[in-house]
Amino acid sequence: MASGLDTYQNALIGLLPIGDCWPKEPDSELGKLMGGIAEEFTRIDERAADLLDESHPSSANELFKEWESQYGLPDACSGIDPSFQERLGALIQSYKMQGGQSREFFIEVAAAMGYVITITEYKQLRYQYSYGDLFGGQDWAFTWQVNAKSVNRKKRLYGQ
């Protein structure tokens, strides 16, 4: 299988005009020139692949500090001199916690902190509701309650 450099070199040679003054062999002087140009295309291609790796905090290397600053990390909860793995865990946790509003989201956040919770949802009083349902006035239409069942204080937020 041809390398990226060979692929670009062959593609550039293939784009040359037809004629005797345009030799198509990779080891000709013109072929070597196309090989030099192909090196730059290969380098750009590799950097584009690196950029894709940097687009998610779990695989970021060069942009790790920028990812941390976007999420306000390290913060006071990070402790004194956290290791790279602890910083990465905190960053991924912060990344995952963005924007959730479902019951499952809040249950998972509580679980990450060591709590086992349930959520009780209330509804506005309406005619024909079943007896025993939790309901109240209009203020209760979007009200919910978190019920904490137990806590595991030894488990840290970042899972270490």
N, C-alpha and C. Protein backbone atom coordinates (compact mmCIF):
# COMPACT_ATOMS: atom_id res chain seq x y z
N MET A 1 0.85 -1.19 0.00
CA MET A 1 0.00 0.00 0.00
C MET A 1 0.89 1.24 0.00
N ALA A 2 0.54 2.20 -0.81
CA ALA A 2 1.34 3.42 -0.93
C ALA A 2 1.14 4.32 0.27
N SER A 3 2.22 5.01 0.65
CA SER A 3 2.12 5.95 1.76
C SER A 3 1.44 7.22 1.28
N GLY A 4 1.12 8.10 2.22
CA GLY A 4 0.49 9.36 1.87
C GLY A 4 1.38 10.18 0.95
N LEU A 5 2.70 10.12 1.21
CA LEU A 5 3.65 10.85 0.38
C LEU A 5 3.63 10.32 -1.06
N ASP A 6 3.68 9.00 -1.20
CA ASP A 6 3.63 8.40 -2.55
C ASP A 6 2.32 8.72 -3.25
N THR A 7 1.24 8.68 -2.50
CA THR A 7 -0.08 8.96 -3.09
C THR A 7 -0.14 10.38 -3.63
N TYR A 8 0.34 11.36 -2.82
CA TYR A 8 0.34 12.76 -3.29
C TYR A 8 1.30 12.95 -4.45
N GLN A 9 2.48 12.33 -4.38
CA GLN A 9 3.44 12.46 -5.47
C GLN A 9 2.85 11.93 -6.78
N ASN A 10 2.26 10.74 -6.72
CA ASN A 10 1.65 10.16 -7.93
C ASN A 10 0.49 11.01 -8.44
N ALA A 11 -0.28 11.58 -7.53
CA ALA A 11 -1.40 12.43 -7.94
C ALA A 11 -0.88 13.69 -8.63
N LEU A 12 0.18 14.30 -8.09
CA LEU A 12 0.74 15.51 -8.71
C LEU A 12 1.35 15.20 -10.07
N ILE A 13 2.04 14.07 -10.17
CA ILE A 13 2.61 13.67 -11.47
C ILE A 13 1.49 13.42 -12.46
N GLY A 14 0.40 12.84 -12.01
CA GLY A 14 -0.73 12.57 -12.89
C GLY A 14 -1.40 13.84 -13.39
N LEU A 15 -1.22 14.95 -12.69
CA LEU A 15 -1.81 16.22 -13.13
C LEU A 15 -0.96 16.99 -14.12
N LEU A 16 0.26 16.51 -14.36
CA LEU A 16 1.14 17.20 -15.31
C LEU A 16 0.60 17.07 -16.73
N PRO A 17 0.89 18.04 -17.58
CA PRO A 17 0.45 17.96 -18.98
C PRO A 17 1.10 16.78 -19.70
N ILE A 18 0.51 16.42 -20.79
CA ILE A 18 1.04 15.33 -21.62
C ILE A 18 2.15 15.88 -22.50
N GLY A 19 3.21 15.11 -22.66
CA GLY A 19 4.30 15.50 -23.56
C GLY A 19 5.63 14.98 -23.07
N ASP A 20 6.61 14.98 -24.00
CA ASP A 20 7.94 14.45 -23.67
C ASP A 20 8.67 15.31 -22.64
N CYS A 21 8.38 16.56 -22.58
CA CYS A 21 9.10 17.41 -21.63
C CYS A 21 8.51 17.32 -20.21
N TRP A 22 7.50 16.51 -20.02
CA TRP A 22 6.89 16.30 -18.71
C TRP A 22 7.02 14.82 -18.32
N PRO A 23 8.21 14.40 -17.88
CA PRO A 23 8.42 12.99 -17.55
C PRO A 23 7.54 12.56 -16.37
N LYS A 24 6.98 11.36 -16.46
CA LYS A 24 6.03 10.87 -15.46
C LYS A 24 6.67 9.94 -14.43
N GLU A 25 7.96 9.68 -14.51
CA GLU A 25 8.61 8.77 -13.58
C GLU A 25 8.88 9.49 -12.25
N PRO A 26 8.59 8.84 -11.12
CA PRO A 26 8.83 9.45 -9.80
C PRO A 26 10.30 9.77 -9.53
N ASP A 27 11.25 9.03 -10.17
CA ASP A 27 12.67 9.28 -9.90
C ASP A 27 13.28 10.30 -10.86
N SER A 28 12.49 10.88 -11.79
CA SER A 28 12.98 11.94 -12.67
C SER A 28 13.10 13.23 -11.86
N GLU A 29 13.78 14.22 -12.42
CA GLU A 29 13.95 15.49 -11.71
C GLU A 29 12.58 16.14 -11.43
N LEU A 30 11.70 16.08 -12.40
CA LEU A 30 10.35 16.64 -12.19
C LEU A 30 9.58 15.81 -11.17
N GLY A 31 9.76 14.50 -11.22
CA GLY A 31 9.11 13.61 -10.25
C GLY A 31 9.59 13.90 -8.83
N LYS A 32 10.90 14.19 -8.69
CA LYS A 32 11.45 14.53 -7.38
C LYS A 32 10.89 15.87 -6.88
N LEU A 33 10.72 16.82 -7.81
CA LEU A 33 10.11 18.10 -7.43
C LEU A 33 8.68 17.87 -6.93
N MET A 34 7.93 17.02 -7.64
CA MET A 34 6.57 16.69 -7.19
C MET A 34 6.60 15.98 -5.83
N GLY A 35 7.64 15.18 -5.60
CA GLY A 35 7.81 14.53 -4.29
C GLY A 35 8.02 15.55 -3.19
N GLY A 36 8.80 16.60 -3.48
CA GLY A 36 9.01 17.67 -2.49
C GLY A 36 7.72 18.41 -2.18
N ILE A 37 6.94 18.68 -3.21
CA ILE A 37 5.64 19.34 -2.99
C ILE A 37 4.70 18.40 -2.24
N ALA A 38 4.78 17.11 -2.56
CA ALA A 38 3.93 16.11 -1.90
C ALA A 38 4.23 16.04 -0.40
N GLU A 39 5.49 16.28 0.00
CA GLU A 39 5.84 16.28 1.43
C GLU A 39 5.01 17.31 2.18
N GLU A 40 4.84 18.49 1.59
CA GLU A 40 4.06 19.54 2.26
C GLU A 40 2.59 19.17 2.33
N PHE A 41 2.04 18.61 1.27
CA PHE A 41 0.65 18.15 1.30
C PHE A 41 0.45 17.06 2.36
N THR A 42 1.42 16.16 2.47
CA THR A 42 1.35 15.10 3.47
C THR A 42 1.38 15.69 4.88
N ARG A 43 2.27 16.68 5.09
CA ARG A 43 2.36 17.34 6.40
C ARG A 43 1.03 18.02 6.75
N ILE A 44 0.44 18.71 5.80
CA ILE A 44 -0.85 19.39 6.03
C ILE A 44 -1.93 18.36 6.34
N ASP A 45 -1.93 17.26 5.63
CA ASP A 45 -2.90 16.18 5.85
C ASP A 45 -2.77 15.63 7.27
N GLU A 46 -1.54 15.41 7.73
CA GLU A 46 -1.31 14.89 9.08
C GLU A 46 -1.76 15.89 10.14
N ARG A 47 -1.51 17.19 9.91
CA ARG A 47 -1.94 18.21 10.87
C ARG A 47 -3.46 18.31 10.91
N ALA A 48 -4.13 18.09 9.78
CA ALA A 48 -5.60 18.08 9.77
C ALA A 48 -6.12 16.93 10.62
N ALA A 49 -5.46 15.76 10.54
CA ALA A 49 -5.84 14.62 11.38
C ALA A 49 -5.60 14.95 12.86
N ASP A 50 -4.51 15.65 13.16
CA ASP A 50 -4.24 16.08 14.54
C ASP A 50 -5.34 17.01 15.04
N LEU A 51 -5.81 17.90 14.17
CA LEU A 51 -6.88 18.82 14.55
C LEU A 51 -8.15 18.08 14.93
N LEU A 52 -8.46 17.01 14.21
CA LEU A 52 -9.62 16.20 14.56
C LEU A 52 -9.46 15.59 15.95
N ASP A 53 -8.25 15.13 16.27
CA ASP A 53 -7.99 14.59 17.61
C ASP A 53 -8.18 15.66 18.68
N GLU A 54 -7.82 16.88 18.39
CA GLU A 54 -7.91 17.97 19.36
C GLU A 54 -9.34 18.49 19.53
N SER A 55 -10.27 18.02 18.70
CA SER A 55 -11.63 18.54 18.74
C SER A 55 -12.48 17.96 19.87
N HIS A 56 -11.94 17.03 20.66
CA HIS A 56 -12.65 16.47 21.81
C HIS A 56 -11.69 16.46 23.00
N PRO A 57 -12.16 16.84 24.19
CA PRO A 57 -11.23 16.94 25.32
C PRO A 57 -10.57 15.62 25.71
N SER A 58 -11.19 14.49 25.44
CA SER A 58 -10.59 13.22 25.85
C SER A 58 -9.36 12.86 25.03
N SER A 59 -9.21 13.43 23.84
CA SER A 59 -8.04 13.13 23.02
C SER A 59 -7.18 14.37 22.77
N ALA A 60 -7.49 15.48 23.44
CA ALA A 60 -6.73 16.71 23.25
C ALA A 60 -5.35 16.58 23.87
N ASN A 61 -4.37 17.10 23.19
CA ASN A 61 -3.01 17.10 23.69
C ASN A 61 -2.46 18.52 23.61
N GLU A 62 -2.35 19.04 22.40
CA GLU A 62 -1.83 20.38 22.21
C GLU A 62 -2.77 21.44 22.77
N LEU A 63 -4.07 21.22 22.67
CA LEU A 63 -5.06 22.21 23.10
C LEU A 63 -5.66 21.91 24.47
N PHE A 64 -5.00 21.04 25.25
CA PHE A 64 -5.55 20.64 26.54
C PHE A 64 -5.76 21.85 27.47
N LYS A 65 -4.79 22.76 27.53
CA LYS A 65 -4.93 23.93 28.42
C LYS A 65 -6.06 24.84 27.95
N GLU A 66 -6.26 24.96 26.66
CA GLU A 66 -7.37 25.77 26.15
C GLU A 66 -8.71 25.14 26.52
N TRP A 67 -8.80 23.80 26.41
CA TRP A 67 -10.02 23.11 26.83
C TRP A 67 -10.28 23.37 28.31
N GLU A 68 -9.23 23.26 29.13
CA GLU A 68 -9.39 23.49 30.57
C GLU A 68 -9.89 24.91 30.85
N SER A 69 -9.31 25.89 30.18
CA SER A 69 -9.72 27.27 30.43
C SER A 69 -11.17 27.52 30.01
N GLN A 70 -11.63 26.85 28.96
CA GLN A 70 -13.02 26.98 28.52
C GLN A 70 -14.00 26.49 29.58
N TYR A 71 -13.58 25.54 30.40
CA TYR A 71 -14.45 24.97 31.43
C TYR A 71 -14.07 25.44 32.83
N GLY A 72 -13.22 26.48 32.92
CA GLY A 72 -12.87 27.05 34.21
C GLY A 72 -12.04 26.11 35.08
N LEU A 73 -11.21 25.32 34.47
CA LEU A 73 -10.39 24.35 35.21
C LEU A 73 -8.91 24.71 35.08
N PRO A 74 -8.07 24.30 35.98
CA PRO A 74 -8.40 23.68 37.25
C PRO A 74 -9.05 24.69 38.19
N ASP A 75 -9.93 24.19 39.06
CA ASP A 75 -10.64 25.06 39.99
C ASP A 75 -10.30 24.67 41.43
N ALA A 76 -11.01 25.25 42.39
CA ALA A 76 -10.73 25.00 43.80
C ALA A 76 -10.95 23.54 44.18
N CYS A 77 -11.83 22.86 43.47
CA CYS A 77 -12.10 21.44 43.77
C CYS A 77 -11.01 20.52 43.24
N SER A 78 -10.11 21.04 42.43
CA SER A 78 -9.08 20.22 41.82
C SER A 78 -7.99 19.80 42.80
N GLY A 79 -7.90 20.46 43.92
CA GLY A 79 -6.88 20.12 44.90
C GLY A 79 -5.55 20.76 44.54
N ILE A 80 -4.54 20.43 45.35
CA ILE A 80 -3.21 20.99 45.14
C ILE A 80 -2.44 20.07 44.20
N ASP A 81 -1.94 20.64 43.11
CA ASP A 81 -1.12 19.93 42.14
C ASP A 81 -1.74 18.61 41.67
N PRO A 82 -2.91 18.66 41.00
CA PRO A 82 -3.52 17.42 40.51
C PRO A 82 -2.69 16.83 39.37
N SER A 83 -2.73 15.51 39.24
CA SER A 83 -2.01 14.84 38.15
C SER A 83 -2.74 15.12 36.83
N PHE A 84 -2.07 14.79 35.73
CA PHE A 84 -2.70 14.98 34.43
C PHE A 84 -3.97 14.15 34.31
N GLN A 85 -3.94 12.92 34.81
CA GLN A 85 -5.12 12.04 34.73
C GLN A 85 -6.28 12.63 35.53
N GLU A 86 -6.01 13.23 36.70
CA GLU A 86 -7.07 13.86 37.49
C GLU A 86 -7.62 15.08 36.76
N ARG A 87 -6.73 15.86 36.16
CA ARG A 87 -7.17 17.03 35.38
C ARG A 87 -8.00 16.60 34.18
N LEU A 88 -7.57 15.54 33.49
CA LEU A 88 -8.31 15.03 32.35
C LEU A 88 -9.68 14.52 32.78
N GLY A 89 -9.74 13.81 33.91
CA GLY A 89 -11.02 13.32 34.43
C GLY A 89 -11.97 14.47 34.77
N ALA A 90 -11.43 15.52 35.38
CA ALA A 90 -12.26 16.69 35.72
C ALA A 90 -12.77 17.37 34.45
N LEU A 91 -11.91 17.47 33.44
CA LEU A 91 -12.31 18.11 32.18
C LEU A 91 -13.40 17.31 31.48
N ILE A 92 -13.23 16.01 31.40
CA ILE A 92 -14.24 15.17 30.73
C ILE A 92 -15.55 15.22 31.50
N GLN A 93 -15.48 15.21 32.82
CA GLN A 93 -16.70 15.29 33.64
C GLN A 93 -17.42 16.63 33.39
N SER A 94 -16.65 17.72 33.34
CA SER A 94 -17.26 19.03 33.08
C SER A 94 -17.86 19.07 31.68
N TYR A 95 -17.18 18.48 30.72
CA TYR A 95 -17.67 18.44 29.34
C TYR A 95 -18.99 17.67 29.26
N LYS A 96 -19.07 16.56 29.96
CA LYS A 96 -20.29 15.74 29.93
C LYS A 96 -21.44 16.40 30.65
N MET A 97 -21.17 17.26 31.60
CA MET A 97 -22.23 17.84 32.43
C MET A 97 -22.88 19.06 31.80
N GLN A 98 -22.51 19.44 30.61
CA GLN A 98 -23.07 20.63 29.98
C GLN A 98 -24.45 20.37 29.41
N GLY A 99 -25.43 21.15 29.85
CA GLY A 99 -26.70 21.23 29.18
C GLY A 99 -27.78 20.22 29.46
N GLY A 100 -27.61 19.33 30.41
CA GLY A 100 -28.65 18.35 30.66
C GLY A 100 -29.80 18.89 31.48
N GLN A 101 -31.02 18.46 31.18
CA GLN A 101 -32.18 18.86 31.96
C GLN A 101 -33.11 17.69 32.23
N SER A 102 -32.72 16.52 31.84
CA SER A 102 -33.59 15.37 32.03
C SER A 102 -33.40 14.79 33.44
N ARG A 103 -34.34 13.97 33.84
CA ARG A 103 -34.23 13.28 35.13
C ARG A 103 -32.95 12.45 35.16
N GLU A 104 -32.69 11.73 34.06
CA GLU A 104 -31.52 10.87 33.98
C GLU A 104 -30.23 11.65 34.17
N PHE A 105 -30.18 12.87 33.60
CA PHE A 105 -29.00 13.71 33.74
C PHE A 105 -28.72 14.02 35.21
N PHE A 106 -29.74 14.47 35.94
CA PHE A 106 -29.54 14.83 37.34
C PHE A 106 -29.25 13.61 38.20
N ILE A 107 -29.83 12.48 37.86
CA ILE A 107 -29.54 11.25 38.60
C ILE A 107 -28.08 10.84 38.38
N GLU A 108 -27.57 10.98 37.15
CA GLU A 108 -26.18 10.66 36.86
C GLU A 108 -25.22 11.62 37.54
N VAL A 109 -25.55 12.91 37.57
CA VAL A 109 -24.70 13.89 38.25
C VAL A 109 -24.61 13.54 39.74
N ALA A 110 -25.74 13.24 40.35
CA ALA A 110 -25.74 12.88 41.77
C ALA A 110 -24.94 11.60 41.99
N ALA A 111 -25.07 10.63 41.09
CA ALA A 111 -24.33 9.37 41.22
C ALA A 111 -22.83 9.62 41.13
N ALA A 112 -22.41 10.54 40.25
CA ALA A 112 -21.00 10.87 40.14
C ALA A 112 -20.47 11.49 41.43
N MET A 113 -21.33 12.12 42.19
CA MET A 113 -20.95 12.72 43.47
C MET A 113 -21.13 11.76 44.63
N GLY A 114 -21.60 10.56 44.35
CA GLY A 114 -21.75 9.55 45.39
C GLY A 114 -23.14 9.46 45.98
N TYR A 115 -24.12 10.13 45.41
CA TYR A 115 -25.48 10.11 45.94
C TYR A 115 -26.37 9.21 45.09
N VAL A 116 -27.29 8.53 45.74
CA VAL A 116 -28.34 7.80 45.04
C VAL A 116 -29.61 8.60 45.26
N ILE A 117 -30.22 9.09 44.18
CA ILE A 117 -31.39 9.94 44.32
C ILE A 117 -32.55 9.42 43.49
N THR A 118 -33.74 9.88 43.86
CA THR A 118 -34.92 9.75 43.02
C THR A 118 -35.48 11.15 42.86
N ILE A 119 -36.31 11.32 41.87
CA ILE A 119 -36.91 12.64 41.62
C ILE A 119 -38.41 12.49 41.63
N THR A 120 -39.06 13.32 42.44
CA THR A 120 -40.52 13.37 42.49
C THR A 120 -40.98 14.58 41.70
N GLU A 121 -41.86 14.37 40.75
CA GLU A 121 -42.40 15.47 39.94
C GLU A 121 -43.83 15.76 40.38
N TYR A 122 -44.15 17.02 40.49
CA TYR A 122 -45.50 17.45 40.85
C TYR A 122 -46.21 17.95 39.61
N LYS A 123 -47.52 18.01 39.66
CA LYS A 123 -48.28 18.52 38.53
C LYS A 123 -49.39 19.44 39.04
N GLN A 124 -49.83 20.28 38.16
CA GLN A 124 -50.87 21.23 38.51
C GLN A 124 -52.20 20.51 38.73
N LEU A 125 -52.97 20.98 39.70
CA LEU A 125 -54.27 20.39 40.02
C LEU A 125 -55.21 20.53 38.82
N ARG A 126 -55.77 19.41 38.40
CA ARG A 126 -56.70 19.40 37.28
C ARG A 126 -57.82 18.43 37.59
N TYR A 127 -58.94 18.67 37.01
CA TYR A 127 -60.09 17.79 37.18
C TYR A 127 -59.78 16.42 36.60
N GLN A 128 -60.24 15.39 37.23
CA GLN A 128 -60.14 13.99 36.83
C GLN A 128 -58.77 13.37 37.09
N TYR A 129 -57.91 14.01 37.91
CA TYR A 129 -56.67 13.34 38.31
C TYR A 129 -57.00 12.23 39.29
N SER A 130 -56.19 11.22 39.28
CA SER A 130 -56.39 10.11 40.20
C SER A 130 -56.18 10.56 41.64
N TYR A 131 -56.95 9.94 42.51
CA TYR A 131 -56.81 10.24 43.92
C TYR A 131 -55.43 9.75 44.39
N GLY A 132 -54.74 10.55 45.17
CA GLY A 132 -53.44 10.17 45.69
C GLY A 132 -52.27 10.69 44.86
N ASP A 133 -52.53 11.24 43.66
CA ASP A 133 -51.44 11.84 42.88
C ASP A 133 -50.93 13.09 43.59
N LEU A 134 -49.64 13.38 43.42
CA LEU A 134 -49.07 14.60 43.98
C LEU A 134 -49.42 15.75 43.05
N PHE A 135 -50.12 16.74 43.57
CA PHE A 135 -50.46 17.89 42.74
C PHE A 135 -50.74 19.10 43.62
N GLY A 136 -50.77 20.26 43.01
CA GLY A 136 -51.03 21.51 43.71
C GLY A 136 -51.53 22.54 42.73
N GLY A 137 -51.32 23.83 43.02
CA GLY A 137 -51.78 24.92 42.16
C GLY A 137 -50.84 25.09 40.97
N GLN A 138 -51.04 26.19 40.25
CA GLN A 138 -50.25 26.45 39.05
C GLN A 138 -48.76 26.55 39.36
N ASP A 139 -48.39 27.00 40.55
CA ASP A 139 -46.98 27.09 40.92
C ASP A 139 -46.30 25.74 40.93
N TRP A 140 -47.06 24.66 41.01
CA TRP A 140 -46.49 23.32 41.08
C TRP A 140 -46.34 22.68 39.69
N ALA A 141 -46.72 23.37 38.64
CA ALA A 141 -46.72 22.79 37.30
C ALA A 141 -45.34 22.30 36.87
N PHE A 142 -44.28 23.00 37.27
CA PHE A 142 -42.92 22.62 36.85
C PHE A 142 -42.01 22.42 38.07
N THR A 143 -42.57 21.93 39.15
CA THR A 143 -41.82 21.73 40.38
C THR A 143 -41.45 20.26 40.52
N TRP A 144 -40.22 20.02 40.98
CA TRP A 144 -39.79 18.65 41.24
C TRP A 144 -38.93 18.65 42.49
N GLN A 145 -38.81 17.50 43.05
CA GLN A 145 -38.11 17.36 44.33
C GLN A 145 -37.07 16.25 44.22
N VAL A 146 -35.88 16.51 44.75
CA VAL A 146 -34.82 15.51 44.77
C VAL A 146 -34.85 14.80 46.10
N ASN A 147 -34.91 13.49 46.07
CA ASN A 147 -34.91 12.67 47.28
C ASN A 147 -33.60 11.90 47.33
N ALA A 148 -32.73 12.24 48.29
CA ALA A 148 -31.44 11.57 48.43
C ALA A 148 -31.60 10.37 49.35
N LYS A 149 -31.27 9.19 48.85
CA LYS A 149 -31.43 7.97 49.63
C LYS A 149 -30.19 7.63 50.44
N SER A 150 -29.01 7.76 49.84
CA SER A 150 -27.79 7.43 50.57
C SER A 150 -26.63 8.19 49.96
N VAL A 151 -25.52 8.19 50.65
CA VAL A 151 -24.33 8.89 50.16
C VAL A 151 -23.11 8.02 50.38
N ASN A 152 -22.25 8.01 49.40
CA ASN A 152 -20.96 7.35 49.52
C ASN A 152 -19.91 8.45 49.49
N ARG A 153 -19.51 8.91 50.65
CA ARG A 153 -18.61 10.07 50.74
C ARG A 153 -17.20 9.76 50.25
N LYS A 154 -16.82 8.50 50.14
CA LYS A 154 -15.47 8.16 49.71
C LYS A 154 -15.28 8.32 48.22
N LYS A 155 -16.35 8.21 47.44
CA LYS A 155 -16.24 8.35 46.00
C LYS A 155 -16.11 9.84 45.65
N ARG A 156 -15.08 10.17 44.88
CA ARG A 156 -14.86 11.56 44.49
C ARG A 156 -15.62 11.88 43.22
N LEU A 157 -15.82 13.15 42.96
CA LEU A 157 -16.58 13.60 41.80
C LEU A 157 -16.02 13.05 40.50
N TYR A 158 -14.72 12.92 40.38
CA TYR A 158 -14.09 12.57 39.11
C TYR A 158 -13.87 11.08 38.99
N GLY A 159 -14.35 10.29 39.90
CA GLY A 159 -14.31 8.85 39.75
C GLY A 159 -12.99 8.18 40.17
N GLN A 160 -12.06 8.92 40.76
CA GLN A 160 -10.80 8.30 41.21
C GLN A 160 -10.97 7.73 42.59
